[in-house]
Amino acid sequence: MTKKEIVKKISDDIGLTQLKTKDIVQRTLDAIIETLVTEGRIELRNFGVFEVKQRAPRKARNPRTGDKVYVPSKNVVTFKPGKEMEELVRNMDPDNLPLLEEAANADLEGDGTVESASEPPAR
């Protein structure tokens, strides 16, 4: 679902114009971002917690050359869903996941088998 689709749904539900609804949705998202930047954490009851955490520096490997590289620390946003959201998602019907279903169907080969991620596709 896109922001435009969210705006349309809310607009239809509450009877505001899409333009006014879009402004409200955008201001809400901007307020969340601003709070994360200034305070580092925002808790939305029955939804979840967004938090800024610092990822530690680490040594990695360039997969193309095999050379070791240093990856500096960086700030990342984490999200922990609230109990209500977690429970609803956990108990949802797996048949109602159109994106996962599309991805699974895209992986099917003509003979009805699913390609393995570790094996190249058969030619």
N, C-alpha and C. Protein backbone atom coordinates (compact mmCIF):
# COMPACT_ATOMS: atom_id res chain seq x y z
N MET A 1 0.85 -1.17 0.00
CA MET A 1 0.00 0.00 0.00
C MET A 1 0.90 1.24 0.00
N THR A 2 0.54 2.20 -0.79
CA THR A 2 1.32 3.44 -0.89
C THR A 2 0.69 4.53 -0.05
N LYS A 3 1.43 5.62 0.13
CA LYS A 3 0.89 6.76 0.88
C LYS A 3 -0.36 7.29 0.18
N LYS A 4 -0.36 7.30 -1.13
CA LYS A 4 -1.51 7.79 -1.89
C LYS A 4 -2.75 6.93 -1.60
N GLU A 5 -2.57 5.62 -1.52
CA GLU A 5 -3.68 4.72 -1.22
C GLU A 5 -4.17 4.91 0.21
N ILE A 6 -3.24 5.15 1.14
CA ILE A 6 -3.62 5.42 2.53
C ILE A 6 -4.45 6.69 2.60
N VAL A 7 -3.99 7.73 1.91
CA VAL A 7 -4.72 9.00 1.88
C VAL A 7 -6.13 8.80 1.33
N LYS A 8 -6.26 8.05 0.25
CA LYS A 8 -7.57 7.82 -0.37
C LYS A 8 -8.49 7.08 0.60
N LYS A 9 -7.96 6.05 1.27
CA LYS A 9 -8.78 5.28 2.21
C LYS A 9 -9.26 6.14 3.37
N ILE A 10 -8.34 6.90 3.96
CA ILE A 10 -8.72 7.77 5.08
C ILE A 10 -9.71 8.84 4.62
N SER A 11 -9.45 9.41 3.46
CA SER A 11 -10.34 10.43 2.90
C SER A 11 -11.75 9.89 2.72
N ASP A 12 -11.84 8.69 2.17
CA ASP A 12 -13.15 8.07 1.97
C ASP A 12 -13.83 7.76 3.31
N ASP A 13 -13.03 7.33 4.31
CA ASP A 13 -13.59 6.95 5.61
C ASP A 13 -14.14 8.14 6.38
N ILE A 14 -13.43 9.29 6.34
CA ILE A 14 -13.85 10.40 7.19
C ILE A 14 -14.49 11.55 6.43
N GLY A 15 -14.50 11.49 5.11
CA GLY A 15 -15.20 12.49 4.33
C GLY A 15 -14.46 13.79 4.10
N LEU A 16 -13.15 13.80 4.32
CA LEU A 16 -12.35 14.98 3.99
C LEU A 16 -11.86 14.87 2.55
N THR A 17 -11.45 15.99 1.99
CA THR A 17 -10.88 15.93 0.64
C THR A 17 -9.54 15.21 0.71
N GLN A 18 -9.13 14.64 -0.41
CA GLN A 18 -7.84 13.96 -0.46
C GLN A 18 -6.70 14.94 -0.21
N LEU A 19 -6.86 16.19 -0.65
CA LEU A 19 -5.81 17.19 -0.47
C LEU A 19 -5.59 17.48 1.02
N LYS A 20 -6.68 17.67 1.76
CA LYS A 20 -6.56 17.93 3.21
C LYS A 20 -6.04 16.69 3.93
N THR A 21 -6.52 15.53 3.53
CA THR A 21 -6.08 14.29 4.16
C THR A 21 -4.60 14.05 3.89
N LYS A 22 -4.16 14.33 2.67
CA LYS A 22 -2.74 14.16 2.34
C LYS A 22 -1.87 15.06 3.21
N ASP A 23 -2.33 16.30 3.44
CA ASP A 23 -1.59 17.24 4.28
C ASP A 23 -1.48 16.70 5.71
N ILE A 24 -2.57 16.15 6.23
CA ILE A 24 -2.58 15.61 7.60
C ILE A 24 -1.63 14.41 7.70
N VAL A 25 -1.73 13.50 6.74
CA VAL A 25 -0.86 12.31 6.75
C VAL A 25 0.60 12.74 6.66
N GLN A 26 0.91 13.68 5.75
CA GLN A 26 2.30 14.12 5.60
C GLN A 26 2.81 14.81 6.85
N ARG A 27 1.98 15.63 7.47
CA ARG A 27 2.39 16.30 8.71
C ARG A 27 2.63 15.28 9.83
N THR A 28 1.83 14.23 9.86
CA THR A 28 2.03 13.17 10.85
C THR A 28 3.37 12.49 10.63
N LEU A 29 3.66 12.13 9.39
CA LEU A 29 4.93 11.48 9.08
C LEU A 29 6.11 12.41 9.37
N ASP A 30 5.96 13.68 9.03
CA ASP A 30 7.02 14.65 9.31
C ASP A 30 7.27 14.78 10.82
N ALA A 31 6.19 14.77 11.61
CA ALA A 31 6.32 14.87 13.06
C ALA A 31 7.04 13.64 13.63
N ILE A 32 6.76 12.46 13.07
CA ILE A 32 7.45 11.24 13.51
C ILE A 32 8.94 11.37 13.21
N ILE A 33 9.29 11.81 12.01
CA ILE A 33 10.70 11.97 11.63
C ILE A 33 11.38 13.00 12.52
N GLU A 34 10.73 14.13 12.72
CA GLU A 34 11.31 15.19 13.55
C GLU A 34 11.55 14.71 14.97
N THR A 35 10.61 13.97 15.52
CA THR A 35 10.76 13.44 16.88
C THR A 35 11.91 12.45 16.95
N LEU A 36 12.05 11.60 15.94
CA LEU A 36 13.17 10.66 15.91
C LEU A 36 14.50 11.39 15.88
N VAL A 37 14.59 12.46 15.09
CA VAL A 37 15.83 13.21 14.96
C VAL A 37 16.16 13.95 16.26
N THR A 38 15.14 14.53 16.91
CA THR A 38 15.41 15.33 18.10
C THR A 38 15.46 14.51 19.39
N GLU A 39 14.62 13.50 19.49
CA GLU A 39 14.53 12.75 20.75
C GLU A 39 15.02 11.31 20.64
N GLY A 40 15.06 10.76 19.43
CA GLY A 40 15.59 9.42 19.24
C GLY A 40 14.60 8.29 19.47
N ARG A 41 13.37 8.63 19.88
CA ARG A 41 12.39 7.57 20.17
C ARG A 41 10.99 8.15 20.09
N ILE A 42 10.08 7.37 19.53
CA ILE A 42 8.68 7.76 19.54
C ILE A 42 7.85 6.49 19.76
N GLU A 43 6.97 6.58 20.75
CA GLU A 43 6.13 5.44 21.11
C GLU A 43 4.69 5.77 20.75
N LEU A 44 4.10 4.94 19.90
CA LEU A 44 2.71 5.11 19.50
C LEU A 44 1.92 3.93 20.07
N ARG A 45 1.13 4.19 21.09
CA ARG A 45 0.38 3.13 21.77
C ARG A 45 -0.42 2.30 20.79
N ASN A 46 -0.45 1.00 21.03
CA ASN A 46 -1.15 0.01 20.20
C ASN A 46 -0.62 -0.07 18.77
N PHE A 47 0.49 0.60 18.51
CA PHE A 47 1.11 0.52 17.18
C PHE A 47 2.53 -0.01 17.31
N GLY A 48 3.39 0.75 17.99
CA GLY A 48 4.75 0.29 18.17
C GLY A 48 5.68 1.42 18.55
N VAL A 49 6.97 1.08 18.59
CA VAL A 49 7.99 2.03 19.00
C VAL A 49 9.04 2.15 17.89
N PHE A 50 9.27 3.37 17.45
CA PHE A 50 10.37 3.67 16.55
C PHE A 50 11.51 4.19 17.42
N GLU A 51 12.73 3.72 17.16
CA GLU A 51 13.86 4.15 17.97
C GLU A 51 15.10 4.25 17.10
N VAL A 52 15.90 5.29 17.36
CA VAL A 52 17.18 5.44 16.67
C VAL A 52 18.23 4.73 17.50
N LYS A 53 18.95 3.82 16.85
CA LYS A 53 20.04 3.10 17.52
C LYS A 53 21.30 3.29 16.70
N GLN A 54 22.44 3.16 17.38
CA GLN A 54 23.70 3.28 16.66
C GLN A 54 24.25 1.89 16.40
N ARG A 55 24.46 1.61 15.13
CA ARG A 55 25.05 0.34 14.74
C ARG A 55 26.56 0.47 14.90
N ALA A 56 27.17 -0.49 15.54
CA ALA A 56 28.60 -0.44 15.84
C ALA A 56 29.44 -0.55 14.56
N PRO A 57 30.65 0.03 14.60
CA PRO A 57 31.53 -0.14 13.45
C PRO A 57 31.92 -1.61 13.32
N ARG A 58 32.25 -2.03 12.11
CA ARG A 58 32.61 -3.44 11.92
C ARG A 58 33.54 -3.60 10.74
N LYS A 59 34.12 -4.75 10.68
CA LYS A 59 34.95 -5.11 9.54
C LYS A 59 34.11 -5.98 8.62
N ALA A 60 34.15 -5.69 7.34
CA ALA A 60 33.37 -6.45 6.38
C ALA A 60 34.31 -6.86 5.23
N ARG A 61 33.73 -7.55 4.26
CA ARG A 61 34.52 -8.00 3.13
C ARG A 61 33.81 -7.60 1.85
N ASN A 62 34.59 -7.03 0.93
CA ASN A 62 34.04 -6.69 -0.38
C ASN A 62 33.83 -8.01 -1.13
N PRO A 63 32.60 -8.37 -1.46
CA PRO A 63 32.35 -9.67 -2.09
C PRO A 63 32.97 -9.79 -3.48
N ARG A 64 33.17 -8.67 -4.15
CA ARG A 64 33.73 -8.70 -5.50
C ARG A 64 35.24 -8.97 -5.48
N THR A 65 35.95 -8.27 -4.56
CA THR A 65 37.42 -8.39 -4.54
C THR A 65 37.93 -9.27 -3.41
N GLY A 66 37.11 -9.45 -2.38
CA GLY A 66 37.56 -10.22 -1.22
C GLY A 66 38.34 -9.38 -0.22
N ASP A 67 38.58 -8.11 -0.54
CA ASP A 67 39.33 -7.23 0.37
C ASP A 67 38.52 -6.92 1.61
N LYS A 68 39.22 -6.81 2.75
CA LYS A 68 38.55 -6.41 3.98
C LYS A 68 38.36 -4.90 3.95
N VAL A 69 37.19 -4.46 4.40
CA VAL A 69 36.89 -3.03 4.46
C VAL A 69 36.33 -2.69 5.83
N TYR A 70 36.54 -1.44 6.24
CA TYR A 70 36.03 -0.95 7.51
C TYR A 70 34.70 -0.26 7.26
N VAL A 71 33.66 -0.65 7.99
CA VAL A 71 32.36 0.00 7.89
C VAL A 71 32.16 0.80 9.17
N PRO A 72 32.09 2.14 9.06
CA PRO A 72 31.95 2.96 10.26
C PRO A 72 30.59 2.78 10.93
N SER A 73 30.50 3.25 12.17
CA SER A 73 29.21 3.18 12.87
C SER A 73 28.22 4.11 12.18
N LYS A 74 26.94 3.78 12.34
CA LYS A 74 25.91 4.63 11.75
C LYS A 74 24.63 4.51 12.55
N ASN A 75 23.81 5.54 12.42
CA ASN A 75 22.51 5.53 13.08
C ASN A 75 21.49 4.84 12.19
N VAL A 76 20.66 4.00 12.80
CA VAL A 76 19.60 3.31 12.07
C VAL A 76 18.30 3.44 12.86
N VAL A 77 17.19 3.39 12.16
CA VAL A 77 15.87 3.42 12.81
C VAL A 77 15.39 1.99 12.96
N THR A 78 14.98 1.64 14.17
CA THR A 78 14.41 0.32 14.41
C THR A 78 12.93 0.49 14.74
N PHE A 79 12.18 -0.57 14.53
CA PHE A 79 10.75 -0.55 14.85
C PHE A 79 10.40 -1.82 15.59
N LYS A 80 9.74 -1.67 16.72
CA LYS A 80 9.24 -2.81 17.47
C LYS A 80 7.72 -2.67 17.52
N PRO A 81 7.01 -3.61 16.89
CA PRO A 81 5.55 -3.49 16.87
C PRO A 81 4.95 -3.65 18.27
N GLY A 82 3.80 -2.99 18.47
CA GLY A 82 3.07 -3.11 19.72
C GLY A 82 2.40 -4.47 19.81
N LYS A 83 1.95 -4.82 21.01
CA LYS A 83 1.34 -6.13 21.24
C LYS A 83 0.14 -6.38 20.32
N GLU A 84 -0.70 -5.37 20.20
CA GLU A 84 -1.92 -5.53 19.39
C GLU A 84 -1.57 -5.81 17.93
N MET A 85 -0.64 -5.04 17.37
CA MET A 85 -0.24 -5.26 15.98
C MET A 85 0.42 -6.62 15.82
N GLU A 86 1.31 -6.94 16.73
CA GLU A 86 2.02 -8.22 16.66
C GLU A 86 1.04 -9.39 16.67
N GLU A 87 0.04 -9.32 17.55
CA GLU A 87 -0.94 -10.40 17.65
C GLU A 87 -1.80 -10.50 16.39
N LEU A 88 -2.25 -9.36 15.88
CA LEU A 88 -3.07 -9.37 14.67
C LEU A 88 -2.30 -9.92 13.47
N VAL A 89 -1.05 -9.53 13.33
CA VAL A 89 -0.23 -10.02 12.22
C VAL A 89 0.06 -11.50 12.38
N ARG A 90 0.36 -11.93 13.61
CA ARG A 90 0.67 -13.33 13.86
C ARG A 90 -0.51 -14.23 13.54
N ASN A 91 -1.71 -13.73 13.80
CA ASN A 91 -2.91 -14.56 13.62
C ASN A 91 -3.60 -14.36 12.28
N MET A 92 -3.00 -13.58 11.40
CA MET A 92 -3.67 -13.34 10.11
C MET A 92 -3.59 -14.56 9.22
N ASP A 93 -4.53 -14.67 8.33
CA ASP A 93 -4.61 -15.78 7.39
C ASP A 93 -3.50 -15.65 6.35
N PRO A 94 -2.61 -16.64 6.22
CA PRO A 94 -1.52 -16.55 5.24
C PRO A 94 -2.02 -16.45 3.80
N ASP A 95 -3.25 -16.85 3.55
CA ASP A 95 -3.80 -16.75 2.20
C ASP A 95 -4.11 -15.29 1.82
N ASN A 96 -4.11 -14.40 2.82
CA ASN A 96 -4.39 -12.99 2.56
C ASN A 96 -3.12 -12.17 2.38
N LEU A 97 -2.05 -12.77 1.92
CA LEU A 97 -0.79 -12.08 1.69
C LEU A 97 -0.52 -12.02 0.20
N PRO A 98 -1.12 -11.08 -0.51
CA PRO A 98 -0.98 -11.05 -1.97
C PRO A 98 0.45 -10.85 -2.43
N LEU A 99 1.26 -10.06 -1.72
CA LEU A 99 2.64 -9.82 -2.16
C LEU A 99 3.47 -11.09 -2.06
N LEU A 100 3.30 -11.83 -0.96
CA LEU A 100 4.05 -13.08 -0.81
C LEU A 100 3.58 -14.10 -1.83
N GLU A 101 2.28 -14.10 -2.10
CA GLU A 101 1.72 -15.04 -3.07
C GLU A 101 2.26 -14.73 -4.47
N GLU A 102 2.33 -13.43 -4.82
CA GLU A 102 2.87 -13.05 -6.13
C GLU A 102 4.33 -13.46 -6.25
N ALA A 103 5.10 -13.26 -5.18
CA ALA A 103 6.51 -13.63 -5.20
C ALA A 103 6.67 -15.14 -5.35
N ALA A 104 5.84 -15.89 -4.65
CA ALA A 104 5.91 -17.35 -4.75
C ALA A 104 5.55 -17.80 -6.17
N ASN A 105 4.53 -17.18 -6.75
CA ASN A 105 4.13 -17.55 -8.11
C ASN A 105 5.20 -17.16 -9.12
N ALA A 106 5.92 -16.07 -8.89
CA ALA A 106 6.97 -15.65 -9.81
C ALA A 106 8.14 -16.62 -9.78
N ASP A 107 8.34 -17.31 -8.66
CA ASP A 107 9.45 -18.25 -8.53
C ASP A 107 9.15 -19.60 -9.16
N LEU A 108 7.88 -19.85 -9.47
CA LEU A 108 7.53 -21.16 -10.03
C LEU A 108 8.05 -21.30 -11.44
N GLU A 109 8.64 -22.46 -11.71
CA GLU A 109 9.10 -22.75 -13.06
C GLU A 109 7.97 -23.46 -13.80
N GLY A 110 8.17 -23.69 -15.08
CA GLY A 110 7.14 -24.33 -15.89
C GLY A 110 6.76 -25.72 -15.42
N ASP A 111 7.67 -26.45 -14.75
CA ASP A 111 7.36 -27.80 -14.32
C ASP A 111 6.73 -27.85 -12.93
N GLY A 112 6.47 -26.67 -12.34
CA GLY A 112 5.80 -26.63 -11.04
C GLY A 112 6.74 -26.68 -9.86
N THR A 113 8.05 -26.67 -10.09
CA THR A 113 8.98 -26.67 -8.98
C THR A 113 9.40 -25.25 -8.65
N VAL A 114 9.85 -25.05 -7.42
CA VAL A 114 10.30 -23.74 -6.98
C VAL A 114 11.81 -23.72 -7.03
N GLU A 115 12.37 -22.62 -7.57
CA GLU A 115 13.82 -22.49 -7.66
C GLU A 115 14.40 -22.27 -6.28
N SER A 116 15.56 -22.83 -6.05
CA SER A 116 16.27 -22.61 -4.81
C SER A 116 17.11 -21.35 -4.94
N ALA A 117 17.23 -20.58 -3.85
CA ALA A 117 18.01 -19.35 -3.90
C ALA A 117 19.49 -19.63 -4.07
N SER A 118 19.96 -20.83 -3.69
CA SER A 118 21.38 -21.14 -3.77
C SER A 118 21.77 -21.75 -5.11
N GLU A 119 20.80 -22.17 -5.90
CA GLU A 119 21.10 -22.79 -7.19
C GLU A 119 20.73 -21.85 -8.32
N PRO A 120 21.54 -21.81 -9.39
CA PRO A 120 21.15 -20.99 -10.52
C PRO A 120 19.95 -21.60 -11.21
N PRO A 121 19.15 -20.77 -11.89
CA PRO A 121 17.96 -21.32 -12.57
C PRO A 121 18.37 -22.27 -13.69
N ALA A 122 17.58 -23.31 -13.87
CA ALA A 122 17.86 -24.29 -14.92
C ALA A 122 17.59 -23.66 -16.28
N ARG A 123 18.43 -23.95 -17.23
CA ARG A 123 18.27 -23.39 -18.59
C ARG A 123 17.98 -24.48 -19.58
